[in-house]
Each structure stands twice: as C-alpha cells, then as structure tokens.
Amino acid sequence: MHHPELEKEPNFNFHSDLTIDSHLDTIINEIAKNNSIEGKYIGFGFKISKQYLRGELLYKKATVQQLIELTNHKNPAVRIYAFEALAKNKYLNYKDILDDHKNDKSVIRFQEGCVSWNATVKELLYGISKRELNHVDSTYLTCDEIRNPYKNN
C-alpha cells in the first residue's frame, strides 16, 4: 500500500548496503514517524493499533539481514520493532544485539490497552527477549532500571 502523503514528511531512512523496496521503506518511515511502541489493542475502545500492524508488516516483509540492520536505525521505534521481529523468528544471535544496546537509554512511549508509559530501548529489548525467547539475564538490567511499568516516568 503506497502512502503518497508520507513523501512530504521528513525521511527517516537509514543508509545501508541493503536494498529496501519501496513498500518496506514506507513501513519503516511510518513506524519512525509514529515513534512509539504499541500493543495489539490500544485505547479505551481497545482498537487494533496501526503501529502494531506496521510492526507485524515489518516482521512479515523484511529479511533477517534487513532486520539486523534495522536494529541500528536512528529511530528507537524502528530498532525495537526490528528486534521484536527477529525474536519472533527465533534469531539465535539476539544476545549480540542486546549487547549492542546495553547502553541504549533512548526513551520511547509504550502503550498497552489504555495504559502508556515511557521506557528505554534497553528495557523494551530485554522485555521482548524475555517474552519471545525466554531469555532472563539478571546482569542486563540494573536494580535502578527495574521499575513499575505502570508508573508514568
């Protein structure tokens, strides 16, 4: 699905040797433009999130190599959705990506249902690895970084 109105927006493209088709490029730009992480259902009406659907499209359309590259995108939402797609694919070298982002303290809004809060990329990547890959590493998050997700930061 082509969205000509996005062509007027700033381009969030990353520069890589990988070829990204225009449909995938549009998905990446829309994720970056929205700049949030959302669960499947959001808001008081529990409507299906468009941002969640974009993440699902990224998972279905991007190759593993493209997703690896996207974990280094300048936009935190793109980094997180790319990592989540890799985790859903049971990517075996996910710990390398976690290590690459162990100091990634970029803050992003996360919304699940009618509740939203701010979290760091590092926290969200760890949560994804725990949920999708059953990865638990007590050295990844410090005690100060473990906090109540329902608290507004």
N, C-alpha and C. Protein backbone atom coordinates (compact mmCIF):
# COMPACT_ATOMS: atom_id res chain seq x y z
N MET A 1 0.84 -1.16 0.00
CA MET A 1 0.00 0.00 0.00
C MET A 1 0.89 1.24 0.00
N HIS A 2 0.76 2.08 -0.99
CA HIS A 2 1.58 3.28 -1.13
C HIS A 2 0.86 4.45 -0.45
N HIS A 3 1.60 5.24 0.30
CA HIS A 3 1.04 6.40 1.00
C HIS A 3 1.74 7.65 0.53
N PRO A 4 1.24 8.31 -0.52
CA PRO A 4 1.92 9.49 -1.06
C PRO A 4 2.06 10.62 -0.05
N GLU A 5 1.14 10.69 0.91
CA GLU A 5 1.24 11.78 1.87
C GLU A 5 2.50 11.68 2.73
N LEU A 6 3.07 10.48 2.86
CA LEU A 6 4.29 10.32 3.63
C LEU A 6 5.51 10.88 2.92
N GLU A 7 5.43 11.00 1.61
CA GLU A 7 6.57 11.52 0.86
C GLU A 7 6.85 12.98 1.20
N LYS A 8 5.87 13.66 1.78
CA LYS A 8 6.04 15.06 2.17
C LYS A 8 6.69 15.18 3.54
N GLU A 9 6.71 14.08 4.29
CA GLU A 9 7.26 14.08 5.64
C GLU A 9 8.78 13.91 5.58
N PRO A 10 9.47 14.25 6.68
CA PRO A 10 10.91 14.02 6.71
C PRO A 10 11.20 12.54 6.49
N ASN A 11 12.29 12.25 5.84
CA ASN A 11 12.65 10.88 5.54
C ASN A 11 13.51 10.34 6.68
N PHE A 12 13.06 9.24 7.30
CA PHE A 12 13.78 8.62 8.40
C PHE A 12 14.64 7.46 7.92
N ASN A 13 14.91 7.38 6.63
CA ASN A 13 15.65 6.26 6.08
C ASN A 13 17.02 6.14 6.72
N PHE A 14 17.46 4.92 6.86
CA PHE A 14 18.82 4.69 7.29
C PHE A 14 19.60 4.34 6.02
N HIS A 15 20.89 4.53 6.06
CA HIS A 15 21.70 4.25 4.88
C HIS A 15 22.43 2.94 5.09
N SER A 16 22.21 2.02 4.19
CA SER A 16 22.76 0.69 4.29
C SER A 16 23.05 0.18 2.89
N ASP A 17 23.83 -0.86 2.82
CA ASP A 17 24.08 -1.51 1.54
C ASP A 17 22.92 -2.40 1.13
N LEU A 18 22.00 -2.62 2.04
CA LEU A 18 20.85 -3.48 1.74
C LEU A 18 19.84 -2.75 0.87
N THR A 19 19.22 -3.50 0.00
CA THR A 19 18.17 -2.93 -0.84
C THR A 19 16.85 -3.05 -0.10
N ILE A 20 16.16 -1.94 0.05
CA ILE A 20 14.86 -1.91 0.70
C ILE A 20 13.84 -1.50 -0.36
N ASP A 21 12.85 -2.36 -0.57
CA ASP A 21 11.84 -1.99 -1.57
C ASP A 21 10.98 -0.85 -1.03
N SER A 22 10.25 -0.20 -1.91
CA SER A 22 9.51 0.99 -1.52
C SER A 22 8.42 0.69 -0.50
N HIS A 23 7.80 -0.49 -0.57
CA HIS A 23 6.76 -0.83 0.41
C HIS A 23 7.37 -0.97 1.81
N LEU A 24 8.49 -1.66 1.90
CA LEU A 24 9.17 -1.81 3.19
C LEU A 24 9.67 -0.46 3.69
N ASP A 25 10.17 0.35 2.80
CA ASP A 25 10.64 1.69 3.17
C ASP A 25 9.49 2.52 3.74
N THR A 26 8.31 2.39 3.16
CA THR A 26 7.13 3.11 3.67
C THR A 26 6.77 2.63 5.07
N ILE A 27 6.81 1.33 5.28
CA ILE A 27 6.52 0.77 6.61
C ILE A 27 7.51 1.33 7.64
N ILE A 28 8.79 1.32 7.30
CA ILE A 28 9.82 1.83 8.21
C ILE A 28 9.59 3.31 8.51
N ASN A 29 9.28 4.09 7.48
CA ASN A 29 9.03 5.52 7.69
C ASN A 29 7.81 5.76 8.56
N GLU A 30 6.76 4.96 8.40
CA GLU A 30 5.56 5.13 9.21
C GLU A 30 5.82 4.76 10.67
N ILE A 31 6.59 3.71 10.89
CA ILE A 31 6.96 3.34 12.27
C ILE A 31 7.75 4.48 12.90
N ALA A 32 8.72 5.02 12.18
CA ALA A 32 9.55 6.11 12.70
C ALA A 32 8.73 7.37 12.95
N LYS A 33 7.83 7.66 12.04
CA LYS A 33 7.00 8.87 12.19
C LYS A 33 6.13 8.78 13.44
N ASN A 34 5.54 7.61 13.69
CA ASN A 34 4.70 7.42 14.87
C ASN A 34 5.53 7.41 16.14
N ASN A 35 6.74 6.87 16.06
CA ASN A 35 7.73 6.89 17.14
C ASN A 35 7.18 6.43 18.49
N SER A 36 6.50 5.30 18.49
CA SER A 36 6.02 4.70 19.73
C SER A 36 5.95 3.19 19.54
N ILE A 37 5.81 2.50 20.65
CA ILE A 37 5.62 1.06 20.64
C ILE A 37 4.23 0.82 21.21
N GLU A 38 3.45 0.03 20.49
CA GLU A 38 2.06 -0.19 20.93
C GLU A 38 1.72 -1.67 20.89
N GLY A 39 0.94 -2.09 21.88
CA GLY A 39 0.41 -3.44 21.89
C GLY A 39 -0.65 -3.56 20.81
N LYS A 40 -1.16 -4.76 20.65
CA LYS A 40 -2.14 -5.00 19.58
C LYS A 40 -3.38 -4.15 19.75
N TYR A 41 -3.87 -4.03 20.98
CA TYR A 41 -5.08 -3.25 21.24
C TYR A 41 -4.73 -2.07 22.12
N ILE A 42 -5.22 -0.88 21.71
CA ILE A 42 -4.92 0.33 22.48
C ILE A 42 -6.17 1.16 22.69
N GLY A 43 -6.08 2.04 23.66
CA GLY A 43 -7.16 2.98 23.94
C GLY A 43 -8.29 2.33 24.74
N PHE A 44 -9.24 3.17 25.14
CA PHE A 44 -10.35 2.67 25.94
C PHE A 44 -11.26 1.76 25.14
N GLY A 45 -11.31 1.94 23.83
CA GLY A 45 -12.12 1.09 22.96
C GLY A 45 -11.39 -0.17 22.52
N PHE A 46 -10.14 -0.33 22.93
CA PHE A 46 -9.31 -1.47 22.56
C PHE A 46 -9.34 -1.71 21.05
N LYS A 47 -9.05 -0.63 20.31
CA LYS A 47 -8.95 -0.74 18.86
C LYS A 47 -7.59 -1.33 18.49
N ILE A 48 -7.55 -2.02 17.36
CA ILE A 48 -6.28 -2.56 16.89
C ILE A 48 -5.37 -1.40 16.50
N SER A 49 -4.16 -1.44 17.02
CA SER A 49 -3.19 -0.37 16.80
C SER A 49 -2.60 -0.43 15.39
N LYS A 50 -2.59 0.69 14.71
CA LYS A 50 -1.95 0.77 13.39
C LYS A 50 -0.44 0.57 13.52
N GLN A 51 0.14 1.08 14.60
CA GLN A 51 1.58 0.92 14.81
C GLN A 51 1.92 -0.56 15.03
N TYR A 52 1.08 -1.25 15.77
CA TYR A 52 1.28 -2.69 15.96
C TYR A 52 1.23 -3.41 14.61
N LEU A 53 0.27 -3.05 13.78
CA LEU A 53 0.15 -3.68 12.46
C LEU A 53 1.36 -3.38 11.59
N ARG A 54 1.92 -2.18 11.73
CA ARG A 54 3.15 -1.86 10.99
C ARG A 54 4.29 -2.77 11.44
N GLY A 55 4.38 -3.00 12.74
CA GLY A 55 5.39 -3.92 13.27
C GLY A 55 5.22 -5.32 12.72
N GLU A 56 3.97 -5.76 12.60
CA GLU A 56 3.69 -7.07 12.03
C GLU A 56 4.09 -7.12 10.55
N LEU A 57 3.84 -6.04 9.83
CA LEU A 57 4.25 -5.99 8.42
C LEU A 57 5.77 -6.04 8.29
N LEU A 58 6.45 -5.34 9.17
CA LEU A 58 7.92 -5.37 9.16
C LEU A 58 8.39 -6.81 9.38
N TYR A 59 7.78 -7.50 10.31
CA TYR A 59 8.11 -8.89 10.61
C TYR A 59 7.90 -9.79 9.39
N LYS A 60 6.83 -9.54 8.65
CA LYS A 60 6.50 -10.39 7.50
C LYS A 60 7.29 -10.04 6.25
N LYS A 61 7.65 -8.77 6.06
CA LYS A 61 8.25 -8.31 4.81
C LYS A 61 9.77 -8.24 4.80
N ALA A 62 10.37 -7.96 5.94
CA ALA A 62 11.83 -7.75 5.98
C ALA A 62 12.57 -9.08 6.11
N THR A 63 13.73 -9.15 5.51
CA THR A 63 14.58 -10.32 5.65
C THR A 63 15.29 -10.24 7.00
N VAL A 64 15.87 -11.34 7.42
CA VAL A 64 16.63 -11.35 8.67
C VAL A 64 17.76 -10.33 8.60
N GLN A 65 18.47 -10.28 7.49
CA GLN A 65 19.58 -9.32 7.36
C GLN A 65 19.07 -7.87 7.44
N GLN A 66 17.94 -7.59 6.83
CA GLN A 66 17.37 -6.24 6.91
C GLN A 66 16.99 -5.92 8.35
N LEU A 67 16.41 -6.88 9.05
CA LEU A 67 16.02 -6.65 10.44
C LEU A 67 17.24 -6.40 11.32
N ILE A 68 18.31 -7.15 11.09
CA ILE A 68 19.54 -6.92 11.85
C ILE A 68 20.03 -5.49 11.64
N GLU A 69 20.05 -5.05 10.38
CA GLU A 69 20.46 -3.67 10.08
C GLU A 69 19.53 -2.66 10.75
N LEU A 70 18.24 -2.95 10.75
CA LEU A 70 17.27 -2.01 11.32
C LEU A 70 17.38 -1.90 12.84
N THR A 71 18.00 -2.86 13.50
CA THR A 71 18.20 -2.72 14.95
C THR A 71 19.18 -1.59 15.26
N ASN A 72 19.84 -1.06 14.22
CA ASN A 72 20.74 0.09 14.39
C ASN A 72 20.18 1.36 13.77
N HIS A 73 18.92 1.36 13.43
CA HIS A 73 18.26 2.54 12.85
C HIS A 73 18.30 3.68 13.86
N LYS A 74 18.31 4.90 13.37
CA LYS A 74 18.39 6.05 14.29
C LYS A 74 17.11 6.25 15.09
N ASN A 75 15.99 5.69 14.63
CA ASN A 75 14.73 5.84 15.36
C ASN A 75 14.53 4.67 16.32
N PRO A 76 14.26 4.95 17.60
CA PRO A 76 14.12 3.87 18.58
C PRO A 76 12.96 2.91 18.30
N ALA A 77 11.85 3.41 17.78
CA ALA A 77 10.71 2.52 17.49
C ALA A 77 11.09 1.50 16.43
N VAL A 78 11.82 1.93 15.41
CA VAL A 78 12.25 1.01 14.35
C VAL A 78 13.20 -0.03 14.94
N ARG A 79 14.13 0.40 15.79
CA ARG A 79 15.06 -0.54 16.42
C ARG A 79 14.31 -1.61 17.20
N ILE A 80 13.31 -1.19 17.95
CA ILE A 80 12.57 -2.13 18.80
C ILE A 80 11.72 -3.08 17.96
N TYR A 81 10.98 -2.56 16.98
CA TYR A 81 10.15 -3.44 16.15
C TYR A 81 11.02 -4.41 15.34
N ALA A 82 12.20 -3.98 14.91
CA ALA A 82 13.10 -4.87 14.18
C ALA A 82 13.58 -5.99 15.09
N PHE A 83 13.95 -5.64 16.33
CA PHE A 83 14.39 -6.67 17.27
C PHE A 83 13.26 -7.63 17.60
N GLU A 84 12.07 -7.11 17.76
CA GLU A 84 10.92 -7.97 18.06
C GLU A 84 10.68 -8.95 16.91
N ALA A 85 10.81 -8.48 15.68
CA ALA A 85 10.64 -9.36 14.52
C ALA A 85 11.71 -10.46 14.52
N LEU A 86 12.93 -10.10 14.85
CA LEU A 86 13.99 -11.11 14.94
C LEU A 86 13.68 -12.13 16.04
N ALA A 87 13.20 -11.64 17.17
CA ALA A 87 12.87 -12.53 18.29
C ALA A 87 11.74 -13.48 17.90
N LYS A 88 10.75 -12.97 17.19
CA LYS A 88 9.65 -13.84 16.74
C LYS A 88 10.15 -14.90 15.77
N ASN A 89 11.21 -14.57 15.04
CA ASN A 89 11.83 -15.53 14.12
C ASN A 89 12.81 -16.44 14.85
N LYS A 90 12.91 -16.30 16.17
CA LYS A 90 13.84 -17.09 16.99
C LYS A 90 15.28 -16.94 16.53
N TYR A 91 15.65 -15.71 16.20
CA TYR A 91 17.01 -15.38 15.77
C TYR A 91 18.00 -15.77 16.86
N LEU A 92 18.95 -16.62 16.53
CA LEU A 92 19.85 -17.21 17.52
C LEU A 92 20.88 -16.25 18.10
N ASN A 93 21.27 -15.24 17.35
CA ASN A 93 22.31 -14.31 17.81
C ASN A 93 21.74 -13.05 18.44
N TYR A 94 20.55 -13.16 19.02
CA TYR A 94 19.90 -12.00 19.61
C TYR A 94 20.71 -11.39 20.74
N LYS A 95 21.52 -12.19 21.45
CA LYS A 95 22.31 -11.65 22.55
C LYS A 95 23.32 -10.62 22.07
N ASP A 96 23.81 -10.78 20.84
CA ASP A 96 24.73 -9.79 20.27
C ASP A 96 24.03 -8.43 20.14
N ILE A 97 22.78 -8.47 19.73
CA ILE A 97 22.01 -7.23 19.59
C ILE A 97 21.73 -6.63 20.96
N LEU A 98 21.38 -7.47 21.93
CA LEU A 98 21.19 -6.96 23.30
C LEU A 98 22.46 -6.29 23.80
N ASP A 99 23.59 -6.93 23.55
CA ASP A 99 24.88 -6.36 23.98
C ASP A 99 25.14 -5.02 23.29
N ASP A 100 24.80 -4.93 22.01
CA ASP A 100 25.00 -3.69 21.26
C ASP A 100 24.16 -2.55 21.84
N HIS A 101 23.05 -2.90 22.50
CA HIS A 101 22.13 -1.87 23.00
C HIS A 101 22.09 -1.81 24.53
N LYS A 102 23.12 -2.37 25.18
CA LYS A 102 23.10 -2.38 26.65
C LYS A 102 23.18 -0.98 27.25
N ASN A 103 23.60 0.00 26.46
CA ASN A 103 23.64 1.38 26.94
C ASN A 103 22.64 2.28 26.20
N ASP A 104 21.69 1.65 25.51
CA ASP A 104 20.71 2.42 24.73
C ASP A 104 19.60 2.90 25.67
N LYS A 105 19.74 4.14 26.10
CA LYS A 105 18.79 4.70 27.04
C LYS A 105 17.82 5.68 26.38
N SER A 106 17.68 5.53 25.06
CA SER A 106 16.68 6.34 24.35
C SER A 106 15.32 6.00 24.93
N VAL A 107 14.54 7.02 25.23
CA VAL A 107 13.23 6.82 25.86
C VAL A 107 12.15 6.87 24.79
N ILE A 108 11.20 5.95 24.91
CA ILE A 108 10.11 5.88 23.96
C ILE A 108 8.82 5.55 24.70
N ARG A 109 7.71 6.02 24.15
CA ARG A 109 6.40 5.75 24.76
C ARG A 109 5.94 4.36 24.37
N PHE A 110 5.47 3.61 25.35
CA PHE A 110 4.90 2.28 25.13
C PHE A 110 3.46 2.31 25.58
N GLN A 111 2.56 1.80 24.76
CA GLN A 111 1.15 1.76 25.13
C GLN A 111 0.61 0.36 24.97
N GLU A 112 -0.08 -0.09 26.00
CA GLU A 112 -0.75 -1.39 26.00
C GLU A 112 -2.14 -1.14 26.56
N GLY A 113 -3.16 -1.42 25.77
CA GLY A 113 -4.52 -1.14 26.21
C GLY A 113 -4.70 0.36 26.38
N CYS A 114 -5.22 0.75 27.55
CA CYS A 114 -5.44 2.18 27.80
C CYS A 114 -4.36 2.77 28.70
N VAL A 115 -3.28 2.03 28.91
CA VAL A 115 -2.19 2.47 29.77
C VAL A 115 -0.95 2.71 28.92
N SER A 116 -0.26 3.83 29.18
CA SER A 116 1.00 4.07 28.49
C SER A 116 2.03 4.56 29.49
N TRP A 117 3.28 4.33 29.16
CA TRP A 117 4.38 4.77 30.00
C TRP A 117 5.61 4.93 29.13
N ASN A 118 6.63 5.56 29.70
CA ASN A 118 7.90 5.71 28.99
C ASN A 118 8.85 4.62 29.44
N ALA A 119 9.62 4.11 28.49
CA ALA A 119 10.61 3.08 28.79
C ALA A 119 11.81 3.32 27.89
N THR A 120 12.94 2.77 28.29
CA THR A 120 14.14 2.89 27.45
C THR A 120 14.14 1.74 26.44
N VAL A 121 14.89 1.94 25.37
CA VAL A 121 15.06 0.89 24.37
C VAL A 121 15.63 -0.35 25.05
N LYS A 122 16.61 -0.15 25.89
CA LYS A 122 17.25 -1.26 26.60
C LYS A 122 16.21 -2.09 27.36
N GLU A 123 15.33 -1.42 28.10
CA GLU A 123 14.30 -2.12 28.87
C GLU A 123 13.35 -2.91 27.97
N LEU A 124 12.93 -2.28 26.88
CA LEU A 124 11.98 -2.94 25.99
C LEU A 124 12.62 -4.12 25.26
N LEU A 125 13.87 -3.99 24.82
CA LEU A 125 14.55 -5.11 24.17
C LEU A 125 14.68 -6.28 25.13
N TYR A 126 15.02 -5.99 26.37
CA TYR A 126 15.12 -7.06 27.36
C TYR A 126 13.76 -7.73 27.56
N GLY A 127 12.71 -6.94 27.67
CA GLY A 127 11.36 -7.49 27.84
C GLY A 127 10.96 -8.38 26.67
N ILE A 128 11.29 -7.95 25.47
CA ILE A 128 10.98 -8.75 24.27
C ILE A 128 11.76 -10.07 24.31
N SER A 129 13.05 -10.00 24.66
CA SER A 129 13.85 -11.22 24.69
C SER A 129 13.33 -12.19 25.75
N LYS A 130 12.85 -11.65 26.84
CA LYS A 130 12.28 -12.49 27.90
C LYS A 130 10.98 -13.14 27.43
N ARG A 131 10.11 -12.36 26.78
CA ARG A 131 8.80 -12.85 26.34
C ARG A 131 8.92 -13.82 25.16
N GLU A 132 9.69 -13.45 24.15
CA GLU A 132 9.74 -14.24 22.92
C GLU A 132 10.76 -15.37 22.95
N LEU A 133 11.84 -15.18 23.72
CA LEU A 133 12.95 -16.14 23.67
C LEU A 133 13.24 -16.79 25.02
N ASN A 134 12.41 -16.47 26.02
CA ASN A 134 12.61 -16.99 27.37
C ASN A 134 14.00 -16.68 27.91
N HIS A 135 14.54 -15.52 27.52
CA HIS A 135 15.87 -15.10 27.94
C HIS A 135 15.75 -14.29 29.23
N VAL A 136 16.44 -14.74 30.25
CA VAL A 136 16.48 -13.99 31.51
C VAL A 136 17.95 -13.84 31.87
N ASP A 137 18.38 -12.60 31.99
CA ASP A 137 19.77 -12.31 32.34
C ASP A 137 19.76 -11.19 33.36
N SER A 138 20.01 -11.54 34.59
CA SER A 138 19.92 -10.55 35.67
C SER A 138 20.99 -9.47 35.57
N THR A 139 22.00 -9.66 34.73
CA THR A 139 23.04 -8.65 34.60
C THR A 139 22.67 -7.59 33.56
N TYR A 140 21.61 -7.83 32.80
CA TYR A 140 21.27 -6.90 31.72
C TYR A 140 20.66 -5.61 32.24
N LEU A 141 19.75 -5.70 33.20
CA LEU A 141 19.15 -4.51 33.79
C LEU A 141 19.64 -4.35 35.23
N THR A 142 19.93 -3.13 35.61
CA THR A 142 20.32 -2.87 36.99
C THR A 142 19.06 -2.74 37.83
N CYS A 143 19.22 -2.77 39.13
CA CYS A 143 18.06 -2.61 40.02
C CYS A 143 17.37 -1.28 39.78
N ASP A 144 18.14 -0.24 39.48
CA ASP A 144 17.55 1.07 39.23
C ASP A 144 16.71 1.09 37.97
N GLU A 145 17.00 0.18 37.03
CA GLU A 145 16.26 0.16 35.78
C GLU A 145 15.01 -0.71 35.84
N ILE A 146 14.91 -1.54 36.85
CA ILE A 146 13.71 -2.34 37.02
C ILE A 146 12.72 -1.49 37.80
N ARG A 147 11.60 -1.22 37.16
CA ARG A 147 10.64 -0.32 37.79
C ARG A 147 9.23 -0.72 37.42
N ASN A 148 8.30 -0.09 38.05
CA ASN A 148 6.89 -0.35 37.80
C ASN A 148 6.52 0.19 36.42
N PRO A 149 6.12 -0.68 35.47
CA PRO A 149 5.82 -0.21 34.12
C PRO A 149 4.57 0.67 34.05
N TYR A 150 3.76 0.64 35.10
CA TYR A 150 2.54 1.45 35.07
C TYR A 150 2.74 2.84 35.65
N LYS A 151 3.92 3.11 36.11
CA LYS A 151 4.26 4.42 36.64
C LYS A 151 4.65 5.34 35.50
N ASN A 152 4.08 6.51 35.42
CA ASN A 152 4.49 7.48 34.39
C ASN A 152 5.84 8.02 34.75
N ASN A 153 6.76 7.94 33.79
CA ASN A 153 8.14 8.39 34.04
C ASN A 153 8.33 9.81 33.61
